[in-house]
Amino acid sequence: MMIKVEPSSQVCGARVTGCDLSGELGADLVAEIRAVWLKHRVLAFPGQSMDDDALERFTIAMGGFGEDPFFDPIEGRKNIAAILREADEQAPLFAENWHSDWSFLDAPPAGTCLLSIDIPPHGGDTLFADQIAAFAALPAERQDHLRSLTAIHSAKLAYAPDGTYGENEREADRSMAIRPDESANECCSHPLIQVHPETGEEAIYSTLGYIIGIEGMAESEALPFLMEVAAWQSRDEFVYRHRWEPNMLVIWDNRSVLHKATGGYEGYRRELHRTTIAAHAT
């Protein structure tokens, strides 16, 4: 099967048609999709008649399920979470800061899949920042400096009991099934610049939400440094804005892009079903 790939006019991202992801997936199709995914980093598959079984089959074909902490799965599933906001919800928008999913794990997921279930008529775009492009655009001296650094990742600012989505969320009446836990206080270190295990390209692997420090750097120095890096990572020339459609599957590479949610759909319900792809996907 020859799929049709339409690259976005932006730094990354492509629209893929000419394939049906609702049934069993052949090895040739999966290999073709993976090659296109590694090239464009973010893929959108419009017009797909997929259910949760199909979403799980696709995730398994792309490398299997990754660990998914701090979310309760939807009823009847172990590996699907609902990214949900009800029409009348007043809680702060979920995931509106740049991040790579679960970067605080020893083995963060290679990718993330989102399947549109209920899409508002406007708003709710997802932004992606290409971190391979962001690193490549840096002067050689700056690249060398960043290569020498190791970042300390933790989920505590978000998912610890006293974090953003912790105990205080009970008063926010949030629709999503977020499960804060003391384990969020644990830390894990990753190089600030990572070599993509499948393409060999270097990418900035940094996110203010999940990085709490730099090894060997005082906290008073680390925070302004990370804010400076974050400002570079999210420059307009590195960002792809994705607009959602009904019956659309989106997959992105957590090793090469950051992402964030946007609002603009007040008064409308929005639901997407989410899976993660295991770190060892090859």
Protein backbone atom coordinates (compact mmCIF):
# COMPACT_ATOMS: atom_id res chain seq x y z
CA MET A 1 0.00 0.00 0.00
CA MET A 2 1.35 3.42 -0.95
CA ILE A 3 0.24 6.02 1.52
CA LYS A 4 -0.02 9.69 0.56
CA VAL A 5 2.02 12.10 2.67
CA GLU A 6 1.34 15.85 2.64
CA PRO A 7 3.98 17.71 4.69
CA SER A 8 2.78 20.74 6.58
CA SER A 9 4.17 24.09 5.52
CA GLN A 10 5.70 24.35 8.98
CA VAL A 11 8.87 22.96 10.57
CA CYS A 12 7.48 19.46 11.12
CA GLY A 13 4.23 17.53 10.81
CA ALA A 14 2.49 15.78 7.92
CA ARG A 15 -0.97 14.62 6.95
CA VAL A 16 -1.21 10.96 5.92
CA THR A 17 -4.01 9.50 3.81
CA GLY A 18 -4.46 6.39 1.69
CA CYS A 19 -4.53 3.89 4.57
CA ASP A 20 -7.22 2.36 6.78
CA LEU A 21 -6.12 1.99 10.40
CA SER A 22 -9.39 0.50 11.65
CA GLY A 23 -8.43 -3.14 11.07
CA GLU A 24 -5.37 -5.36 11.15
CA LEU A 25 -2.16 -3.61 10.11
CA GLY A 26 0.27 -5.31 7.75
CA ALA A 27 4.01 -5.23 8.36
CA ASP A 28 4.67 -3.27 5.15
CA LEU A 29 2.18 -0.54 6.11
CA VAL A 30 3.59 -0.27 9.64
CA ALA A 31 7.14 0.03 8.26
CA GLU A 32 6.01 2.73 5.84
CA ILE A 33 4.25 4.69 8.58
CA ARG A 34 7.26 4.41 10.90
CA ALA A 35 9.62 5.76 8.22
CA VAL A 36 7.34 8.73 7.56
CA TRP A 37 6.89 9.29 11.31
CA LEU A 38 10.63 9.46 11.94
CA LYS A 39 11.00 11.96 9.10
CA HIS A 40 8.10 14.30 9.96
CA ARG A 41 7.96 13.72 13.76
CA VAL A 42 4.20 14.38 13.95
CA LEU A 43 1.65 12.58 11.76
CA ALA A 44 -2.09 13.21 11.41
CA PHE A 45 -4.35 10.53 9.92
CA PRO A 46 -7.71 12.15 9.02
CA GLY A 47 -10.91 10.29 8.19
CA GLN A 48 -10.18 7.19 10.26
CA SER A 49 -13.05 5.05 11.58
CA MET A 50 -11.11 3.82 14.60
CA ASP A 51 -12.41 2.54 17.92
CA ASP A 52 -10.42 1.81 21.08
CA ASP A 53 -9.53 -1.68 19.83
CA ALA A 54 -8.02 -0.14 16.69
CA LEU A 55 -6.14 2.44 18.76
CA GLU A 56 -4.62 -0.36 20.83
CA ARG A 57 -3.69 -2.39 17.74
CA PHE A 58 -1.97 0.63 16.19
CA THR A 59 -0.04 1.33 19.41
CA ILE A 60 1.12 -2.29 19.66
CA ALA A 61 2.18 -2.25 16.00
CA MET A 62 4.23 0.90 16.54
CA GLY A 63 6.16 -0.59 19.47
CA GLY A 64 3.85 -1.63 22.29
CA PHE A 65 2.44 0.16 25.32
CA GLY A 66 4.65 2.42 27.39
CA GLU A 67 4.27 3.17 31.06
CA ASP A 68 1.51 5.73 31.74
CA PRO A 69 1.71 6.98 35.35
CA PHE A 70 -0.65 9.41 37.11
CA PHE A 71 -3.65 8.81 34.79
CA ASP A 72 -6.45 6.35 35.46
CA PRO A 73 -7.38 4.47 32.27
CA ILE A 74 -10.86 4.58 30.82
CA GLU A 75 -13.27 1.88 31.95
CA GLY A 76 -12.53 -1.54 30.51
CA ARG A 77 -9.01 -0.64 29.29
CA LYS A 78 -5.55 -0.76 30.84
CA ASN A 79 -3.63 1.40 28.39
CA ILE A 80 -6.02 4.12 27.19
CA ALA A 81 -6.56 7.39 29.05
CA ALA A 82 -9.11 10.07 28.22
CA ILE A 83 -7.84 13.61 27.65
CA LEU A 84 -11.16 15.14 28.55
CA ARG A 85 -12.62 18.57 29.26
CA GLU A 86 -16.36 18.99 29.74
CA ALA A 87 -18.19 21.97 28.26
CA ASP A 88 -18.81 23.64 31.62
CA GLU A 89 -15.42 22.86 33.18
CA GLN A 90 -13.74 25.69 35.06
CA ALA A 91 -10.46 23.98 36.04
CA PRO A 92 -7.27 25.38 34.50
CA LEU A 93 -6.46 23.93 31.08
CA PHE A 94 -4.55 20.65 31.27
CA ALA A 95 -1.04 20.38 29.76
CA GLU A 96 -0.74 23.96 28.52
CA ASN A 97 3.01 24.03 29.17
CA TRP A 98 5.66 22.66 26.80
CA HIS A 99 6.71 19.11 27.68
CA SER A 100 7.75 15.69 26.44
CA ASP A 101 5.48 13.01 27.91
CA TRP A 102 6.74 11.40 31.10
CA SER A 103 10.36 12.57 30.64
CA PHE A 104 10.92 11.91 34.36
CA LEU A 105 10.82 8.12 33.82
CA ASP A 106 13.98 6.05 33.46
CA ALA A 107 12.68 5.02 30.04
CA PRO A 108 10.25 7.71 28.77
CA PRO A 109 7.82 6.71 26.00
CA ALA A 110 9.03 6.90 22.42
CA GLY A 111 5.75 8.32 21.20
CA THR A 112 2.18 9.25 22.00
CA CYS A 113 -1.05 8.57 20.11
CA LEU A 114 -4.22 10.66 20.36
CA LEU A 115 -7.51 9.65 18.76
CA SER A 116 -10.20 12.32 18.45
CA ILE A 117 -13.49 11.33 20.08
CA ASP A 118 -15.33 14.64 20.56
CA ILE A 119 -13.85 17.70 18.83
CA PRO A 120 -15.17 21.26 19.38
CA PRO A 121 -15.93 23.40 16.32
CA HIS A 122 -12.99 25.71 17.05
CA GLY A 123 -9.98 25.96 19.34
CA GLY A 124 -8.12 23.15 21.07
CA ASP A 125 -5.13 23.13 18.71
CA THR A 126 -2.05 21.21 19.83
CA LEU A 127 1.33 22.88 19.37
CA PHE A 128 4.51 20.91 18.65
CA ALA A 129 8.06 22.28 18.92
CA ASP A 130 10.71 20.50 16.82
CA GLN A 131 13.70 19.99 19.11
CA ILE A 132 15.97 18.57 16.42
CA ALA A 133 15.50 21.78 14.42
CA ALA A 134 15.95 23.88 17.57
CA PHE A 135 19.28 22.21 18.37
CA ALA A 136 20.54 22.34 14.79
CA ALA A 137 19.94 26.11 14.67
CA LEU A 138 22.22 26.81 17.63
CA PRO A 139 25.81 28.02 17.21
CA ALA A 140 28.40 25.23 17.52
CA GLU A 141 29.76 26.64 20.79
CA ARG A 142 26.29 26.65 22.37
CA GLN A 143 25.67 23.11 21.13
CA ASP A 144 28.86 21.90 22.79
CA HIS A 145 27.88 23.53 26.07
CA LEU A 146 24.43 21.97 26.10
CA ARG A 147 25.89 18.55 25.24
CA SER A 148 27.92 18.72 28.45
CA LEU A 149 24.87 19.10 30.72
CA THR A 150 22.65 16.59 32.47
CA ALA A 151 19.14 17.56 33.58
CA ILE A 152 17.33 16.34 36.69
CA HIS A 153 13.75 15.36 35.84
CA SER A 154 10.87 14.89 38.27
CA ALA A 155 7.07 14.85 38.19
CA LYS A 156 6.76 16.47 41.62
CA LEU A 157 5.77 19.94 40.42
CA ALA A 158 2.83 18.44 38.54
CA TYR A 159 1.74 15.13 40.09
CA ALA A 160 2.92 15.08 43.71
CA PRO A 161 0.11 15.50 46.27
CA ASP A 162 1.09 19.17 46.64
CA GLY A 163 1.73 19.64 42.90
CA THR A 164 -0.30 21.42 40.22
CA TYR A 165 -2.57 18.38 39.72
CA GLY A 166 -2.38 17.20 43.35
CA GLU A 167 -4.78 17.40 46.27
CA ASN A 168 -5.89 20.95 45.44
CA GLU A 169 -7.34 19.60 42.20
CA ARG A 170 -10.21 18.09 44.18
CA GLU A 171 -11.62 21.58 44.43
CA ALA A 172 -11.11 22.26 40.72
CA ASP A 173 -13.73 19.73 39.58
CA ARG A 174 -11.52 18.50 36.72
CA SER A 175 -13.00 15.95 34.32
CA MET A 176 -9.77 14.08 33.66
CA ALA A 177 -8.94 11.09 35.86
CA ILE A 178 -5.57 12.31 37.18
CA ARG A 179 -4.00 10.24 39.95
CA PRO A 180 -1.38 12.20 41.98
CA ASP A 181 1.01 10.12 44.06
CA GLU A 182 4.05 10.44 46.34
CA SER A 183 6.10 8.59 43.70
CA ALA A 184 6.06 11.83 41.71
CA ASN A 185 8.74 13.15 44.06
CA GLU A 186 11.30 10.73 42.64
CA CYS A 187 14.04 12.10 40.35
CA CYS A 188 15.74 10.79 37.22
CA SER A 189 18.61 12.27 35.21
CA HIS A 190 18.84 12.51 31.41
CA PRO A 191 21.38 14.27 29.17
CA LEU A 192 20.09 17.67 28.10
CA ILE A 193 20.93 16.78 24.50
CA GLN A 194 19.84 13.33 23.38
CA VAL A 195 20.75 11.35 20.27
CA HIS A 196 17.61 9.94 18.65
CA PRO A 197 17.96 6.13 18.91
CA GLU A 198 16.51 5.53 15.43
CA THR A 199 17.75 8.47 13.35
CA GLY A 200 20.95 9.51 15.12
CA GLU A 201 19.83 13.16 15.15
CA GLU A 202 20.47 15.31 18.22
CA ALA A 203 17.59 16.99 20.02
CA ILE A 204 17.15 19.26 23.03
CA TYR A 205 15.46 17.21 25.75
CA SER A 206 14.33 19.88 28.17
CA THR A 207 11.01 20.99 29.61
CA LEU A 208 10.40 23.43 32.46
CA GLY A 209 7.50 21.38 33.79
CA TYR A 210 9.50 18.21 34.40
CA ILE A 211 13.08 19.48 34.95
CA ILE A 212 13.92 20.66 38.45
CA GLY A 213 17.65 21.27 38.05
CA ILE A 214 20.92 20.71 36.23
CA GLU A 215 23.57 18.43 37.73
CA GLY A 216 26.44 20.48 39.17
CA MET A 217 24.60 23.79 38.76
CA ALA A 218 23.23 25.88 41.63
CA GLU A 219 19.44 26.22 41.68
CA SER A 220 19.74 30.01 41.45
CA GLU A 221 21.65 29.57 38.19
CA ALA A 222 19.74 26.58 36.81
CA LEU A 223 16.26 28.14 36.70
CA PRO A 224 17.19 31.23 34.64
CA PHE A 225 19.30 28.99 32.39
CA LEU A 226 16.39 26.59 31.79
CA MET A 227 14.05 29.51 31.09
CA GLU A 228 16.51 30.83 28.51
CA VAL A 229 16.71 27.40 26.86
CA ALA A 230 12.90 27.08 26.92
CA ALA A 231 12.49 30.44 25.18
CA TRP A 232 14.74 29.20 22.38
CA GLN A 233 13.03 25.80 22.13
CA SER A 234 9.62 27.33 21.50
CA ARG A 235 10.54 30.04 18.98
CA ASP A 236 7.94 30.39 16.23
CA GLU A 237 10.22 28.92 13.55
CA PHE A 238 10.37 25.63 15.47
CA VAL A 239 6.62 25.30 16.11
CA TYR A 240 3.94 23.37 14.20
CA ARG A 241 0.31 24.14 15.06
CA HIS A 242 -1.98 21.16 14.63
CA ARG A 243 -5.71 21.64 14.08
CA TRP A 244 -7.90 18.73 15.08
CA GLU A 245 -10.70 17.14 13.07
CA PRO A 246 -13.29 14.49 13.92
CA ASN A 247 -12.13 10.91 13.23
CA MET A 248 -8.44 11.82 13.33
CA LEU A 249 -5.50 9.94 14.80
CA VAL A 250 -2.31 11.85 15.65
CA ILE A 251 1.02 10.30 16.60
CA TRP A 252 4.13 12.21 17.66
CA ASP A 253 7.70 11.39 18.58
CA ASN A 254 8.48 12.36 22.19
CA ARG A 255 12.19 12.02 21.44
CA SER A 256 12.19 14.86 18.93
CA VAL A 257 9.29 17.22 19.73
CA LEU A 258 7.73 18.97 22.70
CA HIS A 259 3.99 19.64 22.75
CA LYS A 260 1.41 21.72 24.59
CA ALA A 261 -2.35 22.16 24.67
CA THR A 262 -4.26 25.32 23.80
CA GLY A 263 -7.75 26.44 24.73
CA GLY A 264 -10.26 28.58 22.85
CA TYR A 265 -13.18 26.14 22.97
CA GLU A 266 -14.99 27.37 26.07
CA GLY A 267 -18.52 26.01 26.27
CA TYR A 268 -17.73 22.91 24.21
CA ARG A 269 -16.78 19.38 25.23
CA ARG A 270 -13.45 17.96 24.03
CA GLU A 271 -12.31 14.34 24.37
CA LEU A 272 -9.38 12.42 22.93
CA HIS A 273 -8.19 8.91 23.76
CA ARG A 274 -4.49 8.58 24.49
CA THR A 275 -1.92 5.79 24.46
CA THR A 276 1.85 5.84 24.83
CA ILE A 277 4.38 3.90 22.74
CA ALA A 278 7.10 2.09 24.65
CA ALA A 279 10.62 3.48 24.80
CA HIS A 280 12.12 0.38 23.23
CA ALA A 281 10.15 0.79 19.98
CA THR A 282 12.40 0.02 17.01
